[in-house]
Amino acid sequence: MIQRFIELGEGYGDIFELRELISTNSHRFMHGFVFVSKDPNGKSVLSIAAAFKPTDEGNFMPIYLCREGIPEDSKRLKIFEKAVQDLGYQPNKMEVKHSSVYAEKQFYFSHLIAILRLNHFIPPMQ
């Protein structure tokens, strides 16, 4: 199974695309995530993500992400939380390191996938 983050942006206009993906793919939705991190200036920023069940063909599991552009208690966070709650789920909130800690974004995404696997939010590698 291929599990991959697909970055939509930093959570400005793309939050509406993520909400649309959640509602139109409700039959595949698995989990919503709020990743909390501190930017290099010590300010708390949020990333939001939605994991979907793997495709039937190709066994591809997407995790759509709006990375580190959402302040705490923002209207955009409420939009995401409502989209997830409308499907009967609660977003899973967890603290993670800021992506700037990693030399490349791919290392950051690999780290997040490992955290999600270890916490049984997504299936283990097959």
Protein backbone atom coordinates (compact mmCIF):
# COMPACT_ATOMS: atom_id res chain seq x y z
CA MET A 1 0.00 0.00 0.00
CA ILE A 2 1.24 3.45 -0.89
CA GLN A 3 0.46 6.03 1.81
CA ARG A 4 1.28 9.56 0.79
CA PHE A 5 0.66 13.10 1.96
CA ILE A 6 -0.76 15.39 -0.69
CA GLU A 7 -0.15 18.99 0.29
CA LEU A 8 -2.95 21.31 -0.76
CA GLY A 9 -1.36 24.48 0.61
CA GLU A 10 -1.14 26.32 3.90
CA GLY A 11 -4.82 26.40 4.81
CA TYR A 12 -5.99 29.66 3.26
CA GLY A 13 -8.30 29.07 0.28
CA ASP A 14 -7.37 25.42 0.10
CA ILE A 15 -9.25 24.71 3.36
CA PHE A 16 -12.41 24.87 1.24
CA GLU A 17 -10.96 22.28 -1.15
CA LEU A 18 -10.18 20.00 1.79
CA ARG A 19 -13.75 20.43 3.09
CA GLU A 20 -15.05 19.54 -0.38
CA LEU A 21 -12.82 16.44 -0.54
CA ILE A 22 -14.14 15.32 2.84
CA SER A 23 -17.80 15.78 1.90
CA THR A 24 -17.63 14.31 -1.61
CA ASN A 25 -15.52 11.34 -0.50
CA SER A 26 -17.39 10.70 2.75
CA HIS A 27 -17.59 6.98 1.94
CA ARG A 28 -13.76 6.80 1.96
CA PHE A 29 -13.05 9.16 4.87
CA MET A 30 -11.08 7.55 7.74
CA HIS A 31 -9.70 10.25 10.06
CA GLY A 32 -9.22 13.97 10.45
CA PHE A 33 -6.07 15.33 12.10
CA VAL A 34 -4.97 18.60 13.65
CA PHE A 35 -1.19 18.72 13.99
CA VAL A 36 0.03 21.39 16.41
CA SER A 37 3.61 22.66 16.14
CA LYS A 38 5.73 25.66 17.05
CA ASP A 39 7.23 27.70 14.23
CA PRO A 40 10.85 28.91 14.47
CA ASN A 41 9.60 32.04 16.29
CA GLY A 42 7.83 29.95 18.94
CA LYS A 43 4.34 30.71 17.62
CA SER A 44 1.87 27.82 17.67
CA VAL A 45 0.63 26.88 14.18
CA LEU A 46 -1.71 24.16 13.01
CA SER A 47 -1.76 21.77 10.11
CA ILE A 48 -4.96 19.96 9.24
CA ALA A 49 -5.18 16.68 7.38
CA ALA A 50 -7.73 14.13 6.23
CA ALA A 51 -6.89 10.47 5.63
CA PHE A 52 -8.97 8.43 3.21
CA LYS A 53 -9.35 4.68 2.74
CA PRO A 54 -7.12 3.21 0.02
CA THR A 55 -8.37 3.09 -3.53
CA ASP A 56 -9.67 -0.28 -4.74
CA GLU A 57 -7.34 -0.25 -7.70
CA GLY A 58 -3.71 0.62 -7.07
CA ASN A 59 -4.05 0.47 -3.27
CA PHE A 60 -3.18 4.18 -2.88
CA MET A 61 -4.03 5.87 0.43
CA PRO A 62 -4.05 9.67 0.27
CA ILE A 63 -3.68 11.95 3.26
CA TYR A 64 -4.55 15.50 2.20
CA LEU A 65 -2.80 18.22 4.20
CA CYS A 66 -2.95 21.98 4.70
CA ARG A 67 0.45 22.60 6.28
CA GLU A 68 1.25 25.02 9.10
CA GLY A 69 -0.73 28.04 7.98
CA ILE A 70 -3.62 27.97 10.43
CA PRO A 71 -3.51 29.86 13.73
CA GLU A 72 -5.18 28.34 16.78
CA ASP A 73 -8.88 29.20 17.28
CA SER A 74 -9.32 30.38 13.70
CA LYS A 75 -12.44 30.26 11.58
CA ARG A 76 -10.62 27.95 9.15
CA LEU A 77 -10.07 25.39 11.91
CA LYS A 78 -13.78 25.51 12.75
CA ILE A 79 -14.63 24.85 9.06
CA PHE A 80 -12.45 21.74 9.09
CA GLU A 81 -13.76 20.51 12.44
CA LYS A 82 -17.37 20.91 11.27
CA ALA A 83 -16.70 18.97 8.05
CA VAL A 84 -15.23 16.09 10.07
CA GLN A 85 -17.99 16.21 12.71
CA ASP A 86 -20.69 16.20 10.04
CA LEU A 87 -19.50 12.68 9.19
CA GLY A 88 -19.70 11.60 12.84
CA TYR A 89 -15.98 11.83 13.64
CA GLN A 90 -13.82 14.00 15.87
CA PRO A 91 -10.50 15.35 14.59
CA ASN A 92 -7.49 13.79 16.31
CA LYS A 93 -5.23 16.48 17.74
CA MET A 94 -1.53 15.81 18.31
CA GLU A 95 1.65 17.78 18.83
CA VAL A 96 4.40 17.28 16.24
CA LYS A 97 7.65 18.98 15.30
CA HIS A 98 7.51 21.85 12.85
CA SER A 99 8.43 20.94 9.28
CA SER A 100 11.32 23.43 9.33
CA VAL A 101 13.16 21.01 11.67
CA TYR A 102 13.57 18.59 8.75
CA ALA A 103 16.05 19.03 5.90
CA GLU A 104 13.35 18.14 3.35
CA LYS A 105 9.57 18.09 3.39
CA GLN A 106 9.60 14.40 2.47
CA PHE A 107 11.33 13.58 5.78
CA TYR A 108 8.62 15.50 7.62
CA PHE A 109 5.90 13.57 5.80
CA SER A 110 7.64 10.24 6.50
CA HIS A 111 7.81 11.14 10.19
CA LEU A 112 4.08 11.95 10.27
CA ILE A 113 3.20 8.69 8.49
CA ALA A 114 5.24 6.79 11.09
CA ILE A 115 3.38 8.55 13.93
CA LEU A 116 0.00 7.77 12.34
CA ARG A 117 0.95 4.11 11.84
CA LEU A 118 2.26 3.73 15.40
CA ASN A 119 -1.00 5.16 16.76
CA HIS A 120 -3.04 2.84 14.48
CA PHE A 121 -4.74 5.70 12.64
CA ILE A 122 -3.58 4.30 9.31
CA PRO A 123 -2.77 0.69 8.46
CA PRO A 124 0.79 -0.64 8.72
CA MET A 125 2.95 -0.99 5.66
CA GLN A 126 2.18 -4.18 3.75
